[in-house]
Amino acid sequence: MDFIYEKLVRPVFFRQDPETVHHLAVKGLQCLGAIAPLRAAMEKFNLVRDEKPTEAFGVKFPNKIGLAAGFDKDALVWRAMPALGFGHVEIGTVTCHDQAGNPKPRIFRYPKDEAIVNFCGFPNDGAETIAERLSKSRAQKTKKVPLGINIGKSKITPIEDAAQDYIFSYNKLADFADYFTVNVSCPNLPELRKLQSKGDLERLMSALKDADAERAEKFGKAKVPFLVKIAPDLTFREIDDVIETVENLGLGGIVATNTTTSRPEKSAYETRGGLSGSPIFDKSREVVAYICKNTKKPVIAVGGISDTERAAKMFDAGACLVQIYSSFIFKGPFFAKELAKSLYWRSGAKWL
């Protein structure tokens, strides 16, 4: 299957505009998600289940491989992803207001380096529409893997009003989330990364925690874990501030890392936007290792995980879960299954 994708399918796809291909993939996965018998059969065959599920921030995961935010921005295909082997799915980034994102072209592929640069700027249908979509999904009641929801700030919202923007999305989507990832690190929205600073992050996360507590008390709902997604470009001192905030507020953990604004020397990469894929692995792993050395809070590792060895290095650094996106594009639709299976064999465990 990998050979067919690499030699036959990918060359055809990669001759087309990246967003055109993405929309075609979404349409195909929507069809898979809508055909319950096919989806169930593929889940049974492809969803690797560890002998002992991973438990982090109160959520159980059947395997350690997840789909990072950015692929399923509008909650259109999440229910199909376990059929490809994913042990959790993170949708979004979702914002309070629907928005078209930045002008096109805004996605640039570099196949030889297995790298992607995106300048998308959170295009999505908005929290209210996505909440309605999730509420109508029968798969919500029988989902096989945890659903994370990544939320961010709307472009039209001033940075000083960011908390209310995030809270609106939280209130609309909390009934559907196993956990929330609070995106304060995307480089494609003006000023967003300022929210990673200690004071701003404390205010934002305190407001979200208060909204969660109010919902729990008012409606008798369980509280939802919050994770903070950070940039790989932070200094160690800035990471220390994030760790302190996460610990002091009792947050669920940290997602490390988002895309980077830096570029390798003499590269021909697009200079706008965030770089993801293989070139950022070393930087992401360094951040993951530093966080895990300085806190016991769970860390989900993201960034350049393109094979079993790199995934294993993230776990050796202390991550409890990993997420992929760029490697899903370059390696093919069943890469999550192959990665989960190879990690299982590597550990000497029995594949269920």
Protein backbone atom coordinates (compact mmCIF):
# COMPACT_ATOMS: atom_id res chain seq x y z
CA MET A 1 0.00 0.00 0.00
CA ASP A 2 2.85 2.39 0.84
CA PHE A 3 4.52 1.53 -2.47
CA ILE A 4 1.29 2.22 -4.41
CA TYR A 5 0.85 5.58 -2.70
CA GLU A 6 4.48 6.62 -3.14
CA LYS A 7 4.89 5.53 -6.76
CA LEU A 8 1.43 5.98 -8.24
CA VAL A 9 -0.86 8.18 -6.16
CA ARG A 10 1.42 10.78 -4.65
CA PRO A 11 3.06 11.87 -7.94
CA VAL A 12 -0.39 12.61 -9.37
CA PHE A 13 -1.51 14.50 -6.27
CA PHE A 14 1.70 16.48 -6.00
CA ARG A 15 1.34 17.86 -9.50
CA GLN A 16 -1.76 19.70 -8.28
CA ASP A 17 -2.24 22.67 -5.99
CA PRO A 18 -1.91 21.56 -2.32
CA GLU A 19 -5.27 22.95 -1.24
CA THR A 20 -7.02 21.36 -4.22
CA VAL A 21 -5.59 17.99 -3.21
CA HIS A 22 -6.54 18.60 0.40
CA HIS A 23 -10.16 19.26 -0.55
CA LEU A 24 -10.20 16.09 -2.68
CA ALA A 25 -8.84 14.09 0.26
CA VAL A 26 -11.47 15.58 2.56
CA LYS A 27 -14.24 14.61 0.14
CA GLY A 28 -12.94 11.05 -0.04
CA LEU A 29 -12.68 10.76 3.74
CA GLN A 30 -16.18 12.20 4.14
CA CYS A 31 -17.45 9.35 1.97
CA LEU A 32 -15.58 6.83 4.08
CA GLY A 33 -16.96 8.37 7.25
CA ALA A 34 -20.51 8.17 5.91
CA ILE A 35 -20.37 4.45 5.05
CA ALA A 36 -20.66 2.86 8.48
CA PRO A 37 -20.02 -0.82 7.51
CA LEU A 38 -16.89 0.05 5.54
CA ARG A 39 -15.67 2.36 8.26
CA ALA A 40 -16.20 -0.29 10.93
CA ALA A 41 -14.41 -2.96 8.90
CA MET A 42 -11.43 -0.69 8.30
CA GLU A 43 -11.30 0.31 11.97
CA LYS A 44 -11.17 -3.35 12.96
CA PHE A 45 -8.28 -3.96 10.57
CA ASN A 46 -6.31 -0.73 10.90
CA LEU A 47 -6.84 0.64 14.41
CA VAL A 48 -3.92 -0.74 16.42
CA ARG A 49 -4.89 -1.11 20.07
CA ASP A 50 -2.15 -1.23 22.65
CA GLU A 51 -2.40 -3.92 25.31
CA LYS A 52 -2.71 -1.14 27.86
CA PRO A 53 -4.26 2.12 26.63
CA THR A 54 -2.29 5.29 27.29
CA GLU A 55 -4.00 7.49 29.87
CA ALA A 56 -3.18 11.18 29.97
CA PHE A 57 -5.02 14.12 31.58
CA GLY A 58 -7.88 11.74 32.41
CA VAL A 59 -8.41 10.52 28.82
CA LYS A 60 -7.67 7.02 27.52
CA PHE A 61 -6.08 6.57 24.09
CA PRO A 62 -6.12 3.18 22.26
CA ASN A 63 -2.73 3.89 20.70
CA LYS A 64 -0.18 6.68 20.86
CA ILE A 65 -0.54 8.12 17.35
CA GLY A 66 -2.84 11.09 16.73
CA LEU A 67 -3.74 13.39 13.86
CA ALA A 68 -2.54 16.92 14.57
CA ALA A 69 -4.78 19.94 14.19
CA GLY A 70 -4.80 21.57 10.77
CA PHE A 71 -5.95 18.69 8.60
CA ASP A 72 -9.58 18.49 9.73
CA LYS A 73 -10.20 22.16 10.32
CA ASP A 74 -14.00 21.95 10.15
CA ALA A 75 -14.80 18.57 11.78
CA LEU A 76 -15.67 17.02 8.44
CA VAL A 77 -13.60 13.82 8.47
CA TRP A 78 -12.64 13.08 12.10
CA ARG A 79 -14.85 10.02 12.34
CA ALA A 80 -13.07 8.40 9.37
CA MET A 81 -9.58 8.73 10.84
CA PRO A 82 -9.66 5.68 13.19
CA ALA A 83 -10.25 3.62 10.04
CA LEU A 84 -6.79 4.76 8.92
CA GLY A 85 -5.21 3.84 12.26
CA PHE A 86 -5.27 7.07 14.26
CA GLY A 87 -5.65 6.66 18.03
CA HIS A 88 -6.95 10.21 18.50
CA VAL A 89 -7.90 13.15 16.32
CA GLU A 90 -7.50 16.85 16.96
CA ILE A 91 -9.77 19.05 14.85
CA GLY A 92 -9.39 22.76 14.18
CA THR A 93 -8.05 25.29 14.68
CA VAL A 94 -11.58 26.55 15.38
CA THR A 95 -12.26 30.24 16.03
CA CYS A 96 -15.24 32.17 17.36
CA HIS A 97 -15.93 33.75 13.96
CA ASP A 98 -15.90 31.94 10.64
CA GLN A 99 -13.02 33.19 8.53
CA ALA A 100 -11.52 32.59 5.12
CA GLY A 101 -7.91 32.80 6.25
CA ASN A 102 -5.02 34.43 4.45
CA PRO A 103 -4.87 34.95 0.66
CA LYS A 104 -3.87 32.03 -1.56
CA PRO A 105 -1.47 30.49 -2.40
CA ARG A 106 -0.76 29.70 1.23
CA ILE A 107 0.47 26.10 1.32
CA PHE A 108 3.85 25.11 -0.14
CA ARG A 109 5.16 21.53 -0.35
CA TYR A 110 8.82 20.48 -0.49
CA PRO A 111 8.71 16.70 -1.13
CA LYS A 112 12.48 16.12 -1.19
CA ASP A 113 12.72 17.48 2.35
CA GLU A 114 9.30 16.19 3.46
CA ALA A 115 8.54 19.76 4.50
CA ILE A 116 5.50 22.01 4.29
CA VAL A 117 5.16 25.75 4.77
CA ASN A 118 1.68 27.07 5.46
CA PHE A 119 0.37 30.59 5.76
CA CYS A 120 -3.29 29.64 6.15
CA GLY A 121 -4.35 31.82 9.10
CA PHE A 122 -7.05 29.61 10.67
CA PRO A 123 -9.58 29.25 7.81
CA ASN A 124 -12.62 27.54 9.34
CA ASP A 125 -16.40 27.58 9.50
CA GLY A 126 -16.53 29.06 13.00
CA ALA A 127 -17.36 27.53 16.38
CA GLU A 128 -21.14 27.72 16.07
CA THR A 129 -21.31 25.94 12.70
CA ILE A 130 -18.79 23.31 13.75
CA ALA A 131 -20.71 22.68 16.99
CA GLU A 132 -23.89 22.14 14.97
CA ARG A 133 -22.01 19.73 12.69
CA LEU A 134 -20.71 17.73 15.64
CA SER A 135 -24.13 17.65 17.31
CA LYS A 136 -25.64 16.03 14.21
CA SER A 137 -22.98 13.34 13.97
CA ARG A 138 -24.17 9.94 15.17
CA ALA A 139 -20.52 8.92 15.39
CA GLN A 140 -20.16 11.37 18.29
CA LYS A 141 -22.03 8.86 20.49
CA THR A 142 -20.03 5.84 19.35
CA LYS A 143 -16.62 7.36 18.63
CA LYS A 144 -13.73 4.93 18.84
CA VAL A 145 -10.96 7.38 19.71
CA PRO A 146 -10.71 10.62 21.72
CA LEU A 147 -11.57 13.88 19.99
CA GLY A 148 -9.46 16.92 20.77
CA ILE A 149 -10.59 20.38 19.72
CA ASN A 150 -7.97 22.99 18.94
CA ILE A 151 -9.22 26.56 19.47
CA GLY A 152 -7.66 29.87 18.49
CA LYS A 153 -8.34 33.59 18.25
CA SER A 154 -10.34 35.08 15.38
CA LYS A 155 -8.36 37.45 13.20
CA ILE A 156 -10.86 40.30 13.66
CA THR A 157 -10.73 40.07 17.45
CA PRO A 158 -8.27 42.47 19.12
CA ILE A 159 -5.62 40.72 21.17
CA GLU A 160 -6.90 42.35 24.36
CA ASP A 161 -10.29 40.63 23.80
CA ALA A 162 -8.79 37.23 23.05
CA ALA A 163 -10.14 35.52 26.18
CA GLN A 164 -13.77 36.14 25.26
CA ASP A 165 -13.11 34.85 21.76
CA TYR A 166 -11.68 31.58 23.10
CA ILE A 167 -14.43 31.28 25.71
CA PHE A 168 -17.12 31.56 23.02
CA SER A 169 -15.57 28.64 21.15
CA TYR A 170 -15.17 26.68 24.38
CA ASN A 171 -18.83 27.16 25.32
CA LYS A 172 -20.03 26.04 21.91
CA LEU A 173 -17.77 23.00 21.66
CA ALA A 174 -17.25 21.73 25.21
CA ASP A 175 -19.94 19.05 24.94
CA PHE A 176 -18.00 17.35 22.14
CA ALA A 177 -14.40 17.62 23.33
CA ASP A 178 -12.42 15.01 25.21
CA TYR A 179 -9.82 17.74 25.58
CA PHE A 180 -9.10 21.24 24.30
CA THR A 181 -5.81 22.44 22.86
CA VAL A 182 -5.44 26.20 23.21
CA ASN A 183 -3.48 27.44 20.21
CA VAL A 184 -1.44 30.51 21.14
CA SER A 185 1.49 29.73 18.88
CA CYS A 186 0.45 29.81 15.23
CA PRO A 187 2.69 32.30 13.37
CA ASN A 188 0.04 33.09 10.77
CA LEU A 189 -2.19 35.36 12.85
CA PRO A 190 -0.99 38.84 13.82
CA GLU A 191 0.05 39.11 17.48
CA LEU A 192 -1.26 35.66 18.43
CA ARG A 193 2.09 34.47 19.74
CA LYS A 194 2.04 37.29 22.31
CA LEU A 195 -0.44 35.12 24.22
CA GLN A 196 2.41 32.74 25.07
CA SER A 197 3.92 35.36 27.40
CA LYS A 198 3.45 34.63 31.07
CA GLY A 199 0.92 37.30 32.03
CA ASP A 200 -1.21 36.98 28.91
CA LEU A 201 -1.20 33.18 29.06
CA GLU A 202 -2.16 33.17 32.74
CA ARG A 203 -5.09 35.52 32.10
CA LEU A 204 -6.32 33.53 29.10
CA MET A 205 -6.06 30.13 30.73
CA SER A 206 -7.56 31.36 34.01
CA ALA A 207 -10.55 32.70 32.09
CA LEU A 208 -11.01 29.38 30.29
CA LYS A 209 -10.67 27.44 33.55
CA ASP A 210 -13.32 29.70 35.13
CA ALA A 211 -15.65 29.11 32.16
CA ASP A 212 -15.12 25.37 32.52
CA ALA A 213 -15.84 25.46 36.26
CA GLU A 214 -18.98 27.53 35.66
CA ARG A 215 -20.23 25.05 33.06
CA ALA A 216 -19.52 22.12 35.37
CA GLU A 217 -21.42 23.70 38.26
CA LYS A 218 -24.32 25.06 36.24
CA PHE A 219 -25.01 22.01 34.08
CA GLY A 220 -23.44 19.19 36.09
CA LYS A 221 -20.92 18.54 33.34
CA ALA A 222 -17.49 16.98 33.73
CA LYS A 223 -14.60 19.39 33.43
CA VAL A 224 -12.62 19.28 30.19
CA PRO A 225 -8.78 19.16 30.18
CA PHE A 226 -6.94 22.10 28.62
CA LEU A 227 -3.57 21.78 26.92
CA VAL A 228 -1.45 24.67 25.66
CA LYS A 229 0.18 24.40 22.22
CA ILE A 230 3.48 26.26 22.08
CA ALA A 231 5.93 27.34 19.40
CA PRO A 232 9.32 25.70 18.88
CA ASP A 233 10.81 29.20 18.77
CA LEU A 234 10.45 29.98 22.48
CA THR A 235 13.53 30.40 24.65
CA PHE A 236 14.00 28.03 27.58
CA ARG A 237 13.10 30.87 29.93
CA GLU A 238 9.84 31.43 28.04
CA ILE A 239 9.13 27.70 28.19
CA ASP A 240 9.72 27.85 31.95
CA ASP A 241 6.97 30.48 32.17
CA VAL A 242 4.59 28.24 30.21
CA ILE A 243 5.38 25.29 32.48
CA GLU A 244 4.79 27.42 35.57
CA THR A 245 1.41 28.55 34.24
CA VAL A 246 0.37 25.00 33.33
CA GLU A 247 1.33 23.72 36.78
CA ASN A 248 -0.11 26.61 38.79
CA LEU A 249 -3.47 26.46 37.02
CA GLY A 250 -3.66 22.67 37.00
CA LEU A 251 -3.91 22.44 33.22
CA GLY A 252 -3.88 19.10 31.42
CA GLY A 253 -0.51 19.46 29.71
CA ILE A 254 1.41 20.89 26.76
CA VAL A 255 1.40 20.21 23.01
CA ALA A 256 4.90 20.76 21.62
CA THR A 257 5.32 22.07 19.04
CA ASN A 258 3.60 24.21 16.46
CA THR A 259 5.28 25.26 13.21
CA THR A 260 8.44 27.36 13.23
CA THR A 261 9.14 30.75 11.72
CA SER A 262 12.85 29.96 11.36
CA ARG A 263 14.34 28.45 8.20
CA PRO A 264 17.42 26.30 7.59
CA GLU A 265 20.39 28.10 6.11
CA LYS A 266 20.39 28.39 2.31
CA SER A 267 16.91 26.90 2.05
CA ALA A 268 14.53 27.90 -0.73
CA TYR A 269 11.46 27.66 1.48
CA GLU A 270 8.69 30.22 1.34
CA THR A 271 9.52 32.84 3.97
CA ARG A 272 5.95 33.60 5.06
CA GLY A 273 4.20 31.34 7.51
CA GLY A 274 5.18 28.31 9.54
CA LEU A 275 7.49 25.48 8.53
CA SER A 276 6.51 21.92 9.48
CA GLY A 277 7.69 18.44 8.62
CA SER A 278 11.07 16.73 8.84
CA PRO A 279 13.25 19.87 9.08
CA ILE A 280 11.77 20.88 12.44
CA PHE A 281 12.18 17.52 14.18
CA ASP A 282 15.37 18.30 16.08
CA LYS A 283 14.04 21.61 17.34
CA SER A 284 10.70 20.09 18.39
CA ARG A 285 12.38 17.19 20.14
CA GLU A 286 14.65 19.57 22.02
CA VAL A 287 11.62 21.48 23.29
CA VAL A 288 9.81 18.25 24.25
CA ALA A 289 12.86 16.98 26.13
CA TYR A 290 13.25 20.25 28.00
CA ILE A 291 9.59 20.35 29.02
CA CYS A 292 9.58 16.72 30.17
CA LYS A 293 12.74 17.29 32.18
CA ASN A 294 11.12 20.18 34.03
CA THR A 295 7.55 19.00 34.63
CA LYS A 296 5.56 15.83 35.10
CA LYS A 297 2.64 17.25 33.12
CA PRO A 298 1.77 15.19 30.00
CA VAL A 299 3.32 16.30 26.73
CA ILE A 300 1.97 15.54 23.25
CA ALA A 301 4.86 15.73 20.79
CA VAL A 302 4.37 17.14 17.29
CA GLY A 303 6.87 18.12 14.63
CA GLY A 304 8.78 16.17 12.01
CA ILE A 305 7.80 12.69 13.16
CA SER A 306 8.35 10.90 9.88
CA ASP A 307 9.32 7.36 10.94
CA THR A 308 9.46 4.94 13.85
CA GLU A 309 12.89 6.10 15.02
CA ARG A 310 11.78 9.69 15.31
CA ALA A 311 8.58 8.73 17.13
CA ALA A 312 10.63 6.61 19.52
CA LYS A 313 12.96 9.53 20.17
CA MET A 314 9.99 11.66 21.18
CA PHE A 315 8.86 8.97 23.62
CA ASP A 316 12.42 8.63 24.92
CA ALA A 317 12.36 12.39 25.50
CA GLY A 318 9.29 11.93 27.70
CA ALA A 319 6.26 12.47 25.46
CA CYS A 320 3.20 10.37 26.25
CA LEU A 321 1.60 10.72 22.79
CA VAL A 322 2.65 11.93 19.36
CA GLN A 323 0.74 13.61 16.55
CA ILE A 324 1.49 13.66 12.83
CA TYR A 325 0.35 15.77 9.90
CA SER A 326 3.07 16.42 7.32
CA SER A 327 4.18 12.76 7.35
CA PHE A 328 0.55 11.76 6.77
CA ILE A 329 0.72 13.78 3.55
CA PHE A 330 4.09 12.45 2.43
CA LYS A 331 3.88 8.83 3.63
CA GLY A 332 0.27 8.02 2.77
CA PRO A 333 -3.12 7.40 4.36
CA PHE A 334 -2.12 4.36 6.43
CA PHE A 335 1.05 5.79 7.91
CA ALA A 336 -0.55 6.14 11.35
CA LYS A 337 -1.34 2.42 11.41
CA GLU A 338 2.15 1.47 10.28
CA LEU A 339 3.72 3.79 12.83
CA ALA A 340 1.57 2.47 15.68
CA LYS A 341 2.24 -1.12 14.65
CA SER A 342 6.00 -0.66 14.30
CA LEU A 343 6.22 1.04 17.68
CA TYR A 344 4.31 -1.88 19.14
CA TRP A 345 6.69 -4.41 17.63
CA ARG A 346 9.63 -2.32 18.79
CA SER A 347 8.37 -2.45 22.38
CA GLY A 348 7.99 -6.23 22.26
CA ALA A 349 4.30 -6.00 23.13
CA LYS A 350 1.60 -8.13 21.63
CA TRP A 351 -0.44 -6.47 18.88
CA LEU A 352 -4.12 -6.83 19.68
